[in-house]
Amino acid sequence: KFGFIDPDPSIDVQKRSHIGVVLYG
């Protein structure tokens, strides 16, 4: 829901692919 996703399923399952961004709103 916060958009921390990757359209490539093989990358999306990797935890480290979602830790490089800070979101502010």
PDB file of all heavy atoms in Angstrom:
ATOM      1  N   LYS A   1       0.824  -1.205   0.000  1.00  0.00           N
ATOM      2  CA  LYS A   1       0.000   0.000   0.000  1.00  0.00           C
ATOM      3  C   LYS A   1       0.860   1.257   0.000  1.00  0.00           C
ATOM      4  O   LYS A   1       0.475   2.285  -0.570  1.00  0.00           O
ATOM      5  CB  LYS A   1      -0.939  -0.005   1.207  1.00  0.00           C
ATOM      6  CG  LYS A   1      -2.136  -0.929   1.057  1.00  0.00           C
ATOM      7  CD  LYS A   1      -3.067  -0.449  -0.058  1.00  0.00           C
ATOM      8  CE  LYS A   1      -4.326  -1.281  -0.140  1.00  0.00           C
ATOM      9  NZ  LYS A   1      -5.259  -0.741  -1.175  1.00  0.00           N
ATOM     10  N   PHE A   2       2.029   1.184   0.628  1.00  0.00           N
ATOM     11  CA  PHE A   2       2.917   2.330   0.636  1.00  0.00           C
ATOM     12  C   PHE A   2       3.797   2.390  -0.614  1.00  0.00           C
ATOM     13  O   PHE A   2       4.615   3.296  -0.744  1.00  0.00           O
ATOM     14  CB  PHE A   2       3.788   2.330   1.890  1.00  0.00           C
ATOM     15  CG  PHE A   2       3.099   2.886   3.100  1.00  0.00           C
ATOM     16  CD1 PHE A   2       2.941   2.113   4.240  1.00  0.00           C
ATOM     17  CD2 PHE A   2       2.611   4.183   3.100  1.00  0.00           C
ATOM     18  CE1 PHE A   2       2.301   2.622   5.362  1.00  0.00           C
ATOM     19  CE2 PHE A   2       1.970   4.709   4.211  1.00  0.00           C
ATOM     20  CZ  PHE A   2       1.810   3.921   5.350  1.00  0.00           C
ATOM     21  N   GLY A   3       3.635   1.445  -1.516  1.00  0.00           N
ATOM     22  CA  GLY A   3       4.352   1.493  -2.778  1.00  0.00           C
ATOM     23  C   GLY A   3       5.741   0.912  -2.760  1.00  0.00           C
ATOM     24  O   GLY A   3       6.496   1.083  -3.719  1.00  0.00           O
ATOM     25  N   PHE A   4       6.117   0.206  -1.689  1.00  0.00           N
ATOM     26  CA  PHE A   4       7.436  -0.420  -1.626  1.00  0.00           C
ATOM     27  C   PHE A   4       7.359  -1.775  -2.322  1.00  0.00           C
ATOM     28  O   PHE A   4       7.406  -2.833  -1.688  1.00  0.00           O
ATOM     29  CB  PHE A   4       7.889  -0.573  -0.176  1.00  0.00           C
ATOM     30  CG  PHE A   4       8.313   0.719   0.462  1.00  0.00           C
ATOM     31  CD1 PHE A   4       7.382   1.662   0.863  1.00  0.00           C
ATOM     32  CD2 PHE A   4       9.660   1.016   0.643  1.00  0.00           C
ATOM     33  CE1 PHE A   4       7.762   2.861   1.447  1.00  0.00           C
ATOM     34  CE2 PHE A   4      10.060   2.224   1.227  1.00  0.00           C
ATOM     35  CZ  PHE A   4       9.107   3.143   1.623  1.00  0.00           C
ATOM     36  N   ILE A   5       7.242  -1.720  -3.634  1.00  0.00           N
ATOM     37  CA  ILE A   5       7.069  -2.931  -4.429  1.00  0.00           C
ATOM     38  C   ILE A   5       7.974  -2.866  -5.645  1.00  0.00           C
ATOM     39  O   ILE A   5       8.480  -1.797  -6.006  1.00  0.00           O
ATOM     40  CB  ILE A   5       5.602  -3.114  -4.889  1.00  0.00           C
ATOM     41  CG1 ILE A   5       5.145  -1.896  -5.707  1.00  0.00           C
ATOM     42  CG2 ILE A   5       4.686  -3.326  -3.698  1.00  0.00           C
ATOM     43  CD1 ILE A   5       3.753  -2.020  -6.271  1.00  0.00           C
ATOM     44  N   ASP A   6       8.178  -4.006  -6.261  1.00  0.00           N
ATOM     45  CA  ASP A   6       8.903  -4.068  -7.513  1.00  0.00           C
ATOM     46  C   ASP A   6       8.089  -4.926  -8.470  1.00  0.00           C
ATOM     47  O   ASP A   6       7.595  -5.993  -8.079  1.00  0.00           O
ATOM     48  CB  ASP A   6      10.290  -4.680  -7.306  1.00  0.00           C
ATOM     49  CG  ASP A   6      11.191  -4.447  -8.507  1.00  0.00           C
ATOM     50  OD1 ASP A   6      10.952  -5.079  -9.567  1.00  0.00           O
ATOM     51  OD2 ASP A   6      12.120  -3.624  -8.409  1.00  0.00           O
ATOM     52  N   PRO A   7       7.904  -4.485  -9.707  1.00  0.00           N
ATOM     53  CA  PRO A   7       7.102  -5.262 -10.653  1.00  0.00           C
ATOM     54  C   PRO A   7       7.710  -6.605 -11.018  1.00  0.00           C
ATOM     55  O   PRO A   7       7.015  -7.484 -11.535  1.00  0.00           O
ATOM     56  CB  PRO A   7       6.998  -4.340 -11.870  1.00  0.00           C
ATOM     57  CG  PRO A   7       8.174  -3.425 -11.760  1.00  0.00           C
ATOM     58  CD  PRO A   7       8.386  -3.222 -10.289  1.00  0.00           C
ATOM     59  N   ASP A   8       8.993  -6.778 -10.737  1.00  0.00           N
ATOM     60  CA  ASP A   8       9.663  -8.052 -10.997  1.00  0.00           C
ATOM     61  C   ASP A   8       9.526  -8.921  -9.743  1.00  0.00           C
ATOM     62  O   ASP A   8      10.142  -8.619  -8.716  1.00  0.00           O
ATOM     63  CB  ASP A   8      11.138  -7.806 -11.317  1.00  0.00           C
ATOM     64  CG  ASP A   8      11.878  -9.081 -11.694  1.00  0.00           C
ATOM     65  OD1 ASP A   8      11.403 -10.183 -11.338  1.00  0.00           O
ATOM     66  OD2 ASP A   8      12.937  -8.967 -12.340  1.00  0.00           O
ATOM     67  N   PRO A   9       8.744  -9.991  -9.783  1.00  0.00           N
ATOM     68  CA  PRO A   9       8.527 -10.812  -8.582  1.00  0.00           C
ATOM     69  C   PRO A   9       9.810 -11.355  -7.972  1.00  0.00           C
ATOM     70  O   PRO A   9       9.900 -11.507  -6.748  1.00  0.00           O
ATOM     71  CB  PRO A   9       7.630 -11.951  -9.089  1.00  0.00           C
ATOM     72  CG  PRO A   9       6.951 -11.387 -10.298  1.00  0.00           C
ATOM     73  CD  PRO A   9       7.974 -10.484 -10.935  1.00  0.00           C
ATOM     74  N   SER A  10      10.804 -11.635  -8.803  1.00  0.00           N
ATOM     75  CA  SER A  10      12.055 -12.197  -8.279  1.00  0.00           C
ATOM     76  C   SER A  10      12.810 -11.167  -7.441  1.00  0.00           C
ATOM     77  O   SER A  10      13.581 -11.531  -6.549  1.00  0.00           O
ATOM     78  CB  SER A  10      12.941 -12.693  -9.424  1.00  0.00           C
ATOM     79  OG  SER A  10      13.373 -11.613 -10.241  1.00  0.00           O
ATOM     80  N   ILE A  11      12.603  -9.879  -7.719  1.00  0.00           N
ATOM     81  CA  ILE A  11      13.218  -8.815  -6.925  1.00  0.00           C
ATOM     82  C   ILE A  11      12.326  -8.443  -5.753  1.00  0.00           C
ATOM     83  O   ILE A  11      12.799  -8.181  -4.648  1.00  0.00           O
ATOM     84  CB  ILE A  11      13.500  -7.575  -7.798  1.00  0.00           C
ATOM     85  CG1 ILE A  11      14.529  -7.922  -8.867  1.00  0.00           C
ATOM     86  CG2 ILE A  11      13.985  -6.398  -6.951  1.00  0.00           C
ATOM     87  CD1 ILE A  11      14.827  -6.792  -9.831  1.00  0.00           C
ATOM     88  N   ASP A  12      11.010  -8.460  -5.977  1.00  0.00           N
ATOM     89  CA  ASP A  12      10.078  -8.041  -4.940  1.00  0.00           C
ATOM     90  C   ASP A  12      10.170  -8.907  -3.687  1.00  0.00           C
ATOM     91  O   ASP A  12       9.933  -8.431  -2.584  1.00  0.00           O
ATOM     92  CB  ASP A  12       8.649  -8.069  -5.488  1.00  0.00           C
ATOM     93  CG  ASP A  12       7.660  -7.394  -4.560  1.00  0.00           C
ATOM     94  OD1 ASP A  12       7.804  -6.194  -4.311  1.00  0.00           O
ATOM     95  OD2 ASP A  12       6.740  -8.090  -4.065  1.00  0.00           O
ATOM     96  N   VAL A  13      10.517 -10.181  -3.841  1.00  0.00           N
ATOM     97  CA  VAL A  13      10.588 -11.066  -2.676  1.00  0.00           C
ATOM     98  C   VAL A  13      11.845 -10.830  -1.851  1.00  0.00           C
ATOM     99  O   VAL A  13      11.946 -11.315  -0.726  1.00  0.00           O
ATOM    100  CB  VAL A  13      10.532 -12.554  -3.096  1.00  0.00           C
ATOM    101  CG1 VAL A  13       9.221 -12.867  -3.786  1.00  0.00           C
ATOM    102  CG2 VAL A  13      11.711 -12.927  -3.990  1.00  0.00           C
ATOM    103  N   GLN A  14      12.786 -10.080  -2.382  1.00  0.00           N
ATOM    104  CA  GLN A  14      14.031  -9.817  -1.662  1.00  0.00           C
ATOM    105  C   GLN A  14      13.832  -8.659  -0.695  1.00  0.00           C
ATOM    106  O   GLN A  14      13.501  -7.546  -1.092  1.00  0.00           O
ATOM    107  CB  GLN A  14      15.152  -9.493  -2.649  1.00  0.00           C
ATOM    108  CG  GLN A  14      15.450 -10.607  -3.632  1.00  0.00           C
ATOM    109  CD  GLN A  14      16.494 -10.210  -4.663  1.00  0.00           C
ATOM    110  OE1 GLN A  14      17.290  -9.290  -4.417  1.00  0.00           O
ATOM    111  NE2 GLN A  14      16.502 -10.879  -5.792  1.00  0.00           N
ATOM    112  N   LYS A  15      14.019  -8.919   0.577  1.00  0.00           N
ATOM    113  CA  LYS A  15      13.792  -7.899   1.600  1.00  0.00           C
ATOM    114  C   LYS A  15      14.651  -6.659   1.363  1.00  0.00           C
ATOM    115  O   LYS A  15      14.203  -5.535   1.566  1.00  0.00           O
ATOM    116  CB  LYS A  15      14.092  -8.472   2.984  1.00  0.00           C
ATOM    117  CG  LYS A  15      13.260  -9.707   3.363  1.00  0.00           C
ATOM    118  CD  LYS A  15      11.806  -9.349   3.533  1.00  0.00           C
ATOM    119  CE  LYS A  15      11.005 -10.516   4.088  1.00  0.00           C
ATOM    120  NZ  LYS A  15      10.931 -11.654   3.154  1.00  0.00           N
ATOM    121  N   ARG A  16      15.881  -6.858   0.928  1.00  0.00           N
ATOM    122  CA  ARG A  16      16.792  -5.720   0.791  1.00  0.00           C
ATOM    123  C   ARG A  16      16.363  -4.764  -0.313  1.00  0.00           C
ATOM    124  O   ARG A  16      16.852  -3.625  -0.372  1.00  0.00           O
ATOM    125  CB  ARG A  16      18.216  -6.209   0.529  1.00  0.00           C
ATOM    126  CG  ARG A  16      18.414  -6.938  -0.795  1.00  0.00           C
ATOM    127  CD  ARG A  16      19.861  -7.376  -0.956  1.00  0.00           C
ATOM    128  NE  ARG A  16      20.111  -8.070  -2.215  1.00  0.00           N
ATOM    129  CZ  ARG A  16      19.938  -9.365  -2.385  1.00  0.00           C
ATOM    130  NH1 ARG A  16      19.539 -10.113  -1.366  1.00  0.00           N
ATOM    131  NH2 ARG A  16      20.183  -9.930  -3.559  1.00  0.00           N
ATOM    132  N   SER A  17      15.456  -5.194  -1.194  1.00  0.00           N
ATOM    133  CA  SER A  17      15.024  -4.309  -2.276  1.00  0.00           C
ATOM    134  C   SER A  17      14.043  -3.246  -1.806  1.00  0.00           C
ATOM    135  O   SER A  17      13.662  -2.368  -2.586  1.00  0.00           O
ATOM    136  CB  SER A  17      14.393  -5.128  -3.416  1.00  0.00           C
ATOM    137  OG  SER A  17      13.142  -5.682  -3.021  1.00  0.00           O
ATOM    138  N   HIS A  18      13.624  -3.299  -0.531  1.00  0.00           N
ATOM    139  CA  HIS A  18      12.605  -2.355  -0.039  1.00  0.00           C
ATOM    140  C   HIS A  18      13.118  -1.438   1.068  1.00  0.00           C
ATOM    141  O   HIS A  18      12.325  -0.755   1.715  1.00  0.00           O
ATOM    142  CB  HIS A  18      11.394  -3.131   0.471  1.00  0.00           C
ATOM    143  CG  HIS A  18      10.833  -4.094  -0.526  1.00  0.00           C
ATOM    144  ND1 HIS A  18      10.390  -3.703  -1.761  1.00  0.00           N
ATOM    145  CD2 HIS A  18      10.660  -5.449  -0.471  1.00  0.00           C
ATOM    146  CE1 HIS A  18       9.961  -4.759  -2.436  1.00  0.00           C
ATOM    147  NE2 HIS A  18      10.123  -5.828  -1.685  1.00  0.00           N
ATOM    148  N   ILE A  19      14.420  -1.413   1.282  1.00  0.00           N
ATOM    149  CA  ILE A  19      14.945  -0.660   2.426  1.00  0.00           C
ATOM    150  C   ILE A  19      15.730   0.580   2.029  1.00  0.00           C
ATOM    151  O   ILE A  19      16.301   1.233   2.882  1.00  0.00           O
ATOM    152  CB  ILE A  19      15.816  -1.556   3.325  1.00  0.00           C
ATOM    153  CG1 ILE A  19      16.994  -2.139   2.544  1.00  0.00           C
ATOM    154  CG2 ILE A  19      14.982  -2.673   3.942  1.00  0.00           C
ATOM    155  CD1 ILE A  19      17.942  -2.978   3.388  1.00  0.00           C
ATOM    156  N   GLY A  20      15.726   0.934   0.761  1.00  0.00           N
ATOM    157  CA  GLY A  20      16.568   2.031   0.308  1.00  0.00           C
ATOM    158  C   GLY A  20      15.879   3.371   0.177  1.00  0.00           C
ATOM    159  O   GLY A  20      16.484   4.331  -0.297  1.00  0.00           O
ATOM    160  N   VAL A  21      14.607   3.452   0.603  1.00  0.00           N
ATOM    161  CA  VAL A  21      13.834   4.677   0.400  1.00  0.00           C
ATOM    162  C   VAL A  21      13.172   5.107   1.702  1.00  0.00           C
ATOM    163  O   VAL A  21      12.686   4.270   2.467  1.00  0.00           O
ATOM    164  CB  VAL A  21      12.752   4.458  -0.682  1.00  0.00           C
ATOM    165  CG1 VAL A  21      11.802   5.650  -0.759  1.00  0.00           C
ATOM    166  CG2 VAL A  21      13.389   4.218  -2.043  1.00  0.00           C
ATOM    167  N   VAL A  22      13.167   6.396   1.955  1.00  0.00           N
ATOM    168  CA  VAL A  22      12.382   6.987   3.036  1.00  0.00           C
ATOM    169  C   VAL A  22      11.214   7.725   2.396  1.00  0.00           C
ATOM    170  O   VAL A  22      11.400   8.545   1.494  1.00  0.00           O
ATOM    171  CB  VAL A  22      13.219   7.946   3.894  1.00  0.00           C
ATOM    172  CG1 VAL A  22      12.326   8.732   4.854  1.00  0.00           C
ATOM    173  CG2 VAL A  22      14.272   7.180   4.680  1.00  0.00           C
ATOM    174  N   LEU A  23      10.023   7.402   2.840  1.00  0.00           N
ATOM    175  CA  LEU A  23       8.802   8.015   2.327  1.00  0.00           C
ATOM    176  C   LEU A  23       8.292   9.020   3.346  1.00  0.00           C
ATOM    177  O   LEU A  23       8.310   8.760   4.548  1.00  0.00           O
ATOM    178  CB  LEU A  23       7.749   6.927   2.109  1.00  0.00           C
ATOM    179  CG  LEU A  23       6.355   7.337   1.625  1.00  0.00           C
ATOM    180  CD1 LEU A  23       6.416   7.854   0.194  1.00  0.00           C
ATOM    181  CD2 LEU A  23       5.406   6.132   1.704  1.00  0.00           C
ATOM    182  N   TYR A  24       7.878  10.180   2.895  1.00  0.00           N
ATOM    183  CA  TYR A  24       7.287  11.139   3.820  1.00  0.00           C
ATOM    184  C   TYR A  24       6.028  11.716   3.203  1.00  0.00           C
ATOM    185  O   TYR A  24       5.925  11.896   1.989  1.00  0.00           O
ATOM    186  CB  TYR A  24       8.273  12.240   4.219  1.00  0.00           C
ATOM    187  CG  TYR A  24       9.050  12.899   3.098  1.00  0.00           C
ATOM    188  CD1 TYR A  24       8.626  14.111   2.542  1.00  0.00           C
ATOM    189  CD2 TYR A  24      10.225  12.320   2.628  1.00  0.00           C
ATOM    190  CE1 TYR A  24       9.353  14.711   1.541  1.00  0.00           C
ATOM    191  CE2 TYR A  24      10.943  12.930   1.621  1.00  0.00           C
ATOM    192  CZ  TYR A  24      10.513  14.125   1.071  1.00  0.00           C
ATOM    193  OH  TYR A  24      11.236  14.722   0.071  1.00  0.00           O
ATOM    194  N   GLY A  25       5.039  11.958   4.047  1.00  0.00           N
ATOM    195  CA  GLY A  25       3.761  12.376   3.512  1.00  0.00           C
ATOM    196  C   GLY A  25       2.973  13.276   4.439  1.00  0.00           C
ATOM    197  O   GLY A  25       3.131  13.237   5.659  1.00  0.00           O
TER     198      GLY A  25
END
